[in-house]
């Protein structure tokens, strides 16, 4: 969870030159952890739900699946007021955790 937050902060701090302009980039992530007997599809679904909860909460944040709010998630980070953007989503399974991420 902390690693995803570190990556979110690093990405948000960067700037991308494009066509004479400087663009800022951010992303949202949903994170889920395996709990006893959970199938891979269930894990990815939980991370995906947390991702969409993060986007609904204002984007550029990390949400943890399974906390009180979703079938929401608990917000663990974020920056209010960051304009939305791309909305491309993908889920990544890594070991015993999954994270859904999207450019915001």
Protein backbone atom coordinates (compact mmCIF):
# COMPACT_ATOMS: atom_id res chain seq x y z
CA UNK A 1 0.00 0.00 0.00
CA UNK A 2 2.76 2.41 0.93
CA UNK A 3 4.65 1.61 -2.28
CA UNK A 4 1.61 2.52 -4.41
CA UNK A 5 1.31 5.82 -2.54
CA UNK A 6 5.01 6.55 -3.13
CA UNK A 7 4.54 5.93 -6.85
CA UNK A 8 1.42 8.14 -6.94
CA UNK A 9 3.32 11.02 -5.33
CA UNK A 10 6.31 10.55 -7.67
CA UNK A 11 4.10 10.54 -10.78
CA UNK A 12 2.15 13.62 -9.62
CA UNK A 13 5.40 15.53 -9.05
CA UNK A 14 6.59 14.95 -12.62
CA UNK A 15 5.91 17.11 -15.66
CA UNK A 16 5.69 16.03 -19.31
CA UNK A 17 6.64 18.40 -22.15
CA UNK A 18 4.21 18.08 -25.07
CA UNK A 19 3.81 20.39 -28.04
CA UNK A 20 5.19 23.46 -26.32
CA UNK A 21 3.15 22.85 -23.17
CA UNK A 22 3.97 21.23 -19.87
CA UNK A 23 1.47 18.62 -18.73
CA UNK A 24 1.00 17.18 -15.28
CA UNK A 25 0.07 13.54 -14.85
CA UNK A 26 -1.66 11.74 -12.02
CA UNK A 27 -3.29 8.38 -11.43
CA UNK A 28 -5.68 6.64 -9.11
CA UNK A 29 -5.18 3.15 -7.73
CA UNK A 30 -7.30 0.56 -6.04
CA UNK A 31 -5.52 -1.94 -3.80
CA UNK A 32 -6.84 -5.25 -2.47
CA UNK A 33 -5.24 -7.97 -0.36
CA UNK A 34 -5.94 -11.68 -0.48
CA UNK A 35 -8.04 -13.08 2.31
CA UNK A 36 -8.48 -16.82 2.95
CA UNK A 37 -9.56 -18.81 -0.08
CA UNK A 38 -10.07 -15.80 -2.34
CA UNK A 39 -9.88 -16.53 -6.08
CA UNK A 40 -7.75 -14.35 -8.38
CA UNK A 41 -10.88 -12.99 -10.09
CA UNK A 42 -12.33 -11.92 -6.75
CA UNK A 43 -9.09 -10.18 -5.85
CA UNK A 44 -9.00 -8.28 -9.12
CA UNK A 45 -12.69 -7.36 -8.76
CA UNK A 46 -12.04 -5.93 -5.27
CA UNK A 47 -9.08 -3.89 -6.58
CA UNK A 48 -11.19 -2.67 -9.50
CA UNK A 49 -14.00 -1.58 -7.16
CA UNK A 50 -11.47 0.31 -5.03
CA UNK A 51 -10.09 1.97 -8.18
CA UNK A 52 -13.51 3.27 -9.21
CA UNK A 53 -14.16 4.44 -5.64
CA UNK A 54 -10.89 6.41 -5.84
CA UNK A 55 -11.98 8.00 -9.11
CA UNK A 56 -15.41 8.90 -7.69
CA UNK A 57 -13.70 10.45 -4.67
CA UNK A 58 -11.82 12.91 -6.86
CA UNK A 59 -9.03 10.98 -8.56
CA UNK A 60 -5.29 11.10 -7.88
CA UNK A 61 -5.60 8.91 -4.81
CA UNK A 62 -5.12 5.39 -3.53
CA UNK A 63 -8.04 3.47 -2.02
CA UNK A 64 -7.98 0.20 -0.10
CA UNK A 65 -10.67 -2.36 -0.93
CA UNK A 66 -12.69 -3.92 1.84
CA UNK A 67 -12.79 -0.96 4.19
CA UNK A 68 -16.13 0.39 5.29
CA UNK A 69 -17.13 2.66 2.42
CA UNK A 70 -17.52 0.87 -0.97
CA UNK A 71 -18.54 -1.80 -1.51
CA UNK A 72 -16.19 0.91 -1.26
CA UNK A 73 -12.80 1.39 -0.02
CA UNK A 74 -10.95 3.53 2.45
CA UNK A 75 -9.04 6.49 1.10
CA UNK A 76 -5.43 6.37 2.10
CA UNK A 77 -4.16 9.27 0.05
CA UNK A 78 -5.07 11.83 -2.50
CA UNK A 79 -4.94 15.35 -3.73
CA UNK A 80 -8.17 17.24 -4.14
CA UNK A 81 -8.72 19.45 -7.12
CA UNK A 82 -6.60 17.57 -9.62
CA UNK A 83 -8.40 17.70 -12.97
CA UNK A 84 -9.52 14.38 -14.41
CA UNK A 85 -8.36 13.08 -17.69
CA UNK A 86 -7.72 9.82 -19.40
CA UNK A 87 -9.80 7.24 -17.52
CA UNK A 88 -7.97 4.17 -18.77
CA UNK A 89 -8.05 1.34 -16.24
CA UNK A 90 -6.07 -1.82 -15.76
CA UNK A 91 -5.67 -4.29 -12.95
CA UNK A 92 -2.35 -5.83 -12.05
CA UNK A 93 -1.97 -8.93 -9.91
CA UNK A 94 1.29 -9.18 -8.00
CA UNK A 95 1.77 -12.00 -5.55
CA UNK A 96 -0.80 -11.74 -2.78
CA UNK A 97 -2.11 -8.32 -3.68
CA UNK A 98 -3.77 -6.65 -6.62
CA UNK A 99 -3.91 -3.03 -7.65
CA UNK A 100 -6.15 -1.39 -10.19
CA UNK A 101 -4.68 1.80 -11.61
CA UNK A 102 -5.92 4.48 -13.94
CA UNK A 103 -4.56 7.71 -15.28
CA UNK A 104 -6.55 10.56 -13.82
